[in-house]
Structures are given as structure tokens and as C-alpha cells.
Amino acid sequence: MPKGIPCLTEIQKQEIIKRVTDKGERAVDLAKEFKVDPKIIYNLLKTKANQHQAILELAKLKRENEALISNYWFFGSEKVA
């Protein structure tokens, strides 16, 4: 592996995210352990947070959409007459 190109497997990425979020380990310490730049770990955490935020936003939009559809049918049925 060329120097300067860190390569983390998916398992390592999951372990790092878990250790930072669950156990509260410092990203700098994990970077030394996995021989990567701390920026790599911070980017992993940022990506994970963005994915989580996107999932929450999608769920919110689905709930709003369902509410609008149910309200449309409820109010729309009264105007048909």
C-alpha cells in the first residue's frame, strides 16, 4: 500500500464509528491505532451523521405526505357533493 493512501475496510470503519460514538474514544487515538490521519475518522463521522440526518428527514417527509393525503381525501370527499 502506498504511503499516504489510507485504506480502511468496512469492518474497520464500523468499529471506529462504534468506538467513538458508544465508548467515547478520541478520534486522534483511534487514528494512531489504525495508522490513518484523524481527518479520515472525522470524515467518517461526518458522513455517518449526514446519512442519519437524511434518514430522519425522509421519515419526516413521508409522515407529512401521509397526513396531506389523508387530509385531502377527508376534505376532498366533502366538496364532491
N, C-alpha and C. Protein backbone atom coordinates (compact mmCIF):
# COMPACT_ATOMS: atom_id res chain seq x y z
N MET A 1 0.86 -1.19 0.00
CA MET A 1 0.00 0.00 0.00
C MET A 1 0.89 1.24 0.00
N PRO A 2 0.70 2.16 -0.95
CA PRO A 2 1.50 3.37 -0.99
C PRO A 2 1.27 4.23 0.25
N LYS A 3 2.33 4.87 0.68
CA LYS A 3 2.23 5.74 1.85
C LYS A 3 1.34 6.93 1.52
N GLY A 4 0.50 7.31 2.46
CA GLY A 4 -0.37 8.46 2.26
C GLY A 4 -1.76 8.11 1.76
N ILE A 5 -1.97 6.85 1.41
CA ILE A 5 -3.30 6.43 0.95
C ILE A 5 -3.84 5.44 1.97
N PRO A 6 -4.55 5.93 2.97
CA PRO A 6 -5.07 5.02 4.00
C PRO A 6 -6.18 4.16 3.43
N CYS A 7 -6.20 2.94 3.87
CA CYS A 7 -7.22 2.01 3.39
C CYS A 7 -7.87 1.35 4.60
N LEU A 8 -9.12 1.68 4.84
CA LEU A 8 -9.87 1.07 5.92
C LEU A 8 -10.96 0.19 5.32
N THR A 9 -11.08 -0.99 5.87
CA THR A 9 -12.15 -1.87 5.42
C THR A 9 -13.47 -1.38 6.03
N GLU A 10 -14.56 -1.89 5.51
CA GLU A 10 -15.88 -1.52 6.05
C GLU A 10 -16.00 -1.93 7.52
N ILE A 11 -15.42 -3.06 7.85
CA ILE A 11 -15.46 -3.52 9.25
C ILE A 11 -14.70 -2.55 10.15
N GLN A 12 -13.54 -2.10 9.69
CA GLN A 12 -12.76 -1.14 10.47
C GLN A 12 -13.52 0.18 10.63
N LYS A 13 -14.15 0.61 9.55
CA LYS A 13 -14.93 1.86 9.62
C LYS A 13 -16.05 1.74 10.63
N GLN A 14 -16.76 0.61 10.61
CA GLN A 14 -17.85 0.40 11.57
C GLN A 14 -17.33 0.35 13.00
N GLU A 15 -16.17 -0.30 13.19
CA GLU A 15 -15.58 -0.39 14.52
C GLU A 15 -15.19 1.00 15.02
N ILE A 16 -14.59 1.80 14.16
CA ILE A 16 -14.18 3.15 14.56
C ILE A 16 -15.40 3.98 14.95
N ILE A 17 -16.43 3.95 14.13
CA ILE A 17 -17.64 4.73 14.42
C ILE A 17 -18.26 4.28 15.73
N LYS A 18 -18.30 2.97 15.95
CA LYS A 18 -18.87 2.44 17.18
C LYS A 18 -18.06 2.85 18.40
N ARG A 19 -16.75 2.78 18.29
CA ARG A 19 -15.90 3.11 19.42
C ARG A 19 -15.96 4.59 19.77
N VAL A 20 -16.11 5.43 18.76
CA VAL A 20 -16.22 6.87 19.03
C VAL A 20 -17.58 7.20 19.62
N THR A 21 -18.64 6.67 19.00
CA THR A 21 -19.99 7.04 19.44
C THR A 21 -20.42 6.34 20.71
N ASP A 22 -20.11 5.05 20.85
CA ASP A 22 -20.57 4.29 22.01
C ASP A 22 -19.63 4.39 23.21
N LYS A 23 -18.35 4.25 22.95
CA LYS A 23 -17.38 4.22 24.05
C LYS A 23 -16.74 5.57 24.33
N GLY A 24 -16.93 6.52 23.42
CA GLY A 24 -16.39 7.86 23.63
C GLY A 24 -14.89 7.97 23.43
N GLU A 25 -14.31 7.05 22.68
CA GLU A 25 -12.88 7.11 22.43
C GLU A 25 -12.57 8.30 21.51
N ARG A 26 -11.38 8.83 21.67
CA ARG A 26 -10.98 10.00 20.89
C ARG A 26 -10.58 9.59 19.47
N ALA A 27 -10.97 10.41 18.51
CA ALA A 27 -10.64 10.13 17.12
C ALA A 27 -9.13 10.14 16.90
N VAL A 28 -8.42 11.00 17.61
CA VAL A 28 -6.97 11.09 17.45
C VAL A 28 -6.30 9.79 17.88
N ASP A 29 -6.77 9.22 18.99
CA ASP A 29 -6.19 7.96 19.47
C ASP A 29 -6.48 6.82 18.51
N LEU A 30 -7.68 6.78 17.97
CA LEU A 30 -8.02 5.73 17.01
C LEU A 30 -7.25 5.90 15.71
N ALA A 31 -7.01 7.14 15.32
CA ALA A 31 -6.23 7.39 14.11
C ALA A 31 -4.82 6.82 14.25
N LYS A 32 -4.23 6.99 15.42
CA LYS A 32 -2.89 6.41 15.65
C LYS A 32 -2.95 4.89 15.61
N GLU A 33 -3.99 4.32 16.23
CA GLU A 33 -4.12 2.87 16.27
C GLU A 33 -4.29 2.28 14.87
N PHE A 34 -5.10 2.93 14.03
CA PHE A 34 -5.37 2.41 12.68
C PHE A 34 -4.43 2.99 11.63
N LYS A 35 -3.47 3.82 12.09
CA LYS A 35 -2.45 4.41 11.21
C LYS A 35 -3.06 5.20 10.05
N VAL A 36 -4.03 6.05 10.39
CA VAL A 36 -4.63 6.96 9.41
C VAL A 36 -4.61 8.37 9.99
N ASP A 37 -4.84 9.32 9.13
CA ASP A 37 -4.93 10.70 9.56
C ASP A 37 -6.25 10.91 10.32
N PRO A 38 -6.24 11.70 11.39
CA PRO A 38 -7.50 11.93 12.11
C PRO A 38 -8.62 12.49 11.23
N LYS A 39 -8.26 13.20 10.16
CA LYS A 39 -9.27 13.75 9.26
C LYS A 39 -10.12 12.64 8.64
N ILE A 40 -9.51 11.48 8.41
CA ILE A 40 -10.24 10.34 7.85
C ILE A 40 -11.37 9.95 8.80
N ILE A 41 -11.06 9.89 10.09
CA ILE A 41 -12.06 9.49 11.07
C ILE A 41 -13.13 10.57 11.21
N TYR A 42 -12.72 11.83 11.22
CA TYR A 42 -13.71 12.90 11.30
C TYR A 42 -14.64 12.88 10.09
N ASN A 43 -14.09 12.59 8.92
CA ASN A 43 -14.93 12.49 7.72
C ASN A 43 -15.89 11.31 7.80
N LEU A 44 -15.42 10.19 8.37
CA LEU A 44 -16.30 9.04 8.56
C LEU A 44 -17.49 9.42 9.45
N LEU A 45 -17.18 10.11 10.54
CA LEU A 45 -18.23 10.50 11.48
C LEU A 45 -19.20 11.49 10.84
N LYS A 46 -18.65 12.42 10.06
CA LYS A 46 -19.50 13.41 9.39
C LYS A 46 -20.41 12.74 8.37
N THR A 47 -19.88 11.80 7.62
CA THR A 47 -20.67 11.07 6.63
C THR A 47 -21.78 10.28 7.32
N LYS A 48 -21.45 9.64 8.41
CA LYS A 48 -22.44 8.86 9.16
C LYS A 48 -23.54 9.77 9.69
N ALA A 49 -23.16 10.95 10.21
CA ALA A 49 -24.15 11.90 10.73
C ALA A 49 -25.05 12.40 9.61
N ASN A 50 -24.47 12.68 8.45
CA ASN A 50 -25.27 13.16 7.31
C ASN A 50 -26.25 12.08 6.84
N GLN A 51 -25.82 10.83 6.84
CA GLN A 51 -26.71 9.74 6.45
C GLN A 51 -27.86 9.62 7.44
N HIS A 52 -27.54 9.73 8.71
CA HIS A 52 -28.58 9.64 9.74
C HIS A 52 -29.57 10.79 9.59
N GLN A 53 -29.06 12.00 9.35
CA GLN A 53 -29.93 13.17 9.18
C GLN A 53 -30.82 13.00 7.96
N ALA A 54 -30.28 12.43 6.88
CA ALA A 54 -31.08 12.23 5.67
C ALA A 54 -32.20 11.22 5.92
N ILE A 55 -31.91 10.19 6.69
CA ILE A 55 -32.94 9.18 7.02
C ILE A 55 -34.05 9.81 7.84
N LEU A 56 -33.68 10.65 8.81
CA LEU A 56 -34.68 11.32 9.63
C LEU A 56 -35.54 12.26 8.79
N GLU A 57 -34.91 12.99 7.88
CA GLU A 57 -35.63 13.92 7.01
C GLU A 57 -36.59 13.18 6.10
N LEU A 58 -36.16 12.04 5.57
CA LEU A 58 -37.03 11.24 4.70
C LEU A 58 -38.24 10.72 5.47
N ALA A 59 -38.02 10.26 6.69
CA ALA A 59 -39.14 9.77 7.51
C ALA A 59 -40.13 10.89 7.80
N LYS A 60 -39.61 12.08 8.07
CA LYS A 60 -40.47 13.24 8.34
C LYS A 60 -41.30 13.58 7.11
N LEU A 61 -40.67 13.58 5.95
CA LEU A 61 -41.40 13.88 4.71
C LEU A 61 -42.47 12.84 4.41
N LYS A 62 -42.17 11.58 4.69
CA LYS A 62 -43.17 10.53 4.48
C LYS A 62 -44.38 10.74 5.38
N ARG A 63 -44.13 11.09 6.66
CA ARG A 63 -45.24 11.34 7.59
C ARG A 63 -46.08 12.53 7.13
N GLU A 64 -45.40 13.60 6.69
CA GLU A 64 -46.12 14.78 6.21
C GLU A 64 -46.94 14.44 4.97
N ASN A 65 -46.37 13.65 4.08
CA ASN A 65 -47.06 13.25 2.86
C ASN A 65 -48.31 12.44 3.18
N GLU A 66 -48.18 11.49 4.11
CA GLU A 66 -49.33 10.69 4.51
C GLU A 66 -50.42 11.55 5.13
N ALA A 67 -50.03 12.54 5.93
CA ALA A 67 -51.01 13.44 6.55
C ALA A 67 -51.72 14.26 5.48
N LEU A 68 -50.97 14.75 4.52
CA LEU A 68 -51.59 15.53 3.45
C LEU A 68 -52.55 14.69 2.62
N ILE A 69 -52.16 13.46 2.32
CA ILE A 69 -53.03 12.59 1.54
C ILE A 69 -54.31 12.27 2.31
N SER A 70 -54.18 11.95 3.60
CA SER A 70 -55.38 11.63 4.37
C SER A 70 -56.27 12.86 4.52
N ASN A 71 -55.69 14.03 4.69
CA ASN A 71 -56.49 15.26 4.78
C ASN A 71 -57.15 15.59 3.44
N TYR A 72 -56.45 15.33 2.35
CA TYR A 72 -57.02 15.60 1.04
C TYR A 72 -58.27 14.74 0.83
N TRP A 73 -58.16 13.45 1.15
CA TRP A 73 -59.32 12.57 0.95
C TRP A 73 -60.45 12.93 1.89
N PHE A 74 -60.11 13.33 3.11
CA PHE A 74 -61.14 13.69 4.08
C PHE A 74 -61.88 14.95 3.64
N PHE A 75 -61.13 16.00 3.31
CA PHE A 75 -61.75 17.26 2.92
C PHE A 75 -62.25 17.22 1.48
N GLY A 76 -61.57 16.47 0.64
CA GLY A 76 -61.98 16.38 -0.76
C GLY A 76 -63.31 15.68 -0.94
N SER A 77 -63.63 14.73 -0.08
CA SER A 77 -64.86 13.99 -0.21
C SER A 77 -66.06 14.87 0.13
N GLU A 78 -65.88 15.89 0.95
CA GLU A 78 -66.99 16.78 1.29
C GLU A 78 -67.32 17.73 0.15
N LYS A 79 -66.34 18.08 -0.67
CA LYS A 79 -66.55 19.05 -1.75
C LYS A 79 -67.13 18.41 -3.00
N VAL A 80 -67.16 17.10 -3.07
CA VAL A 80 -67.63 16.40 -4.26
C VAL A 80 -69.13 16.60 -4.45
N ALA A 81 -69.88 16.70 -3.40
CA ALA A 81 -71.34 16.79 -3.47
C ALA A 81 -71.86 18.01 -4.10
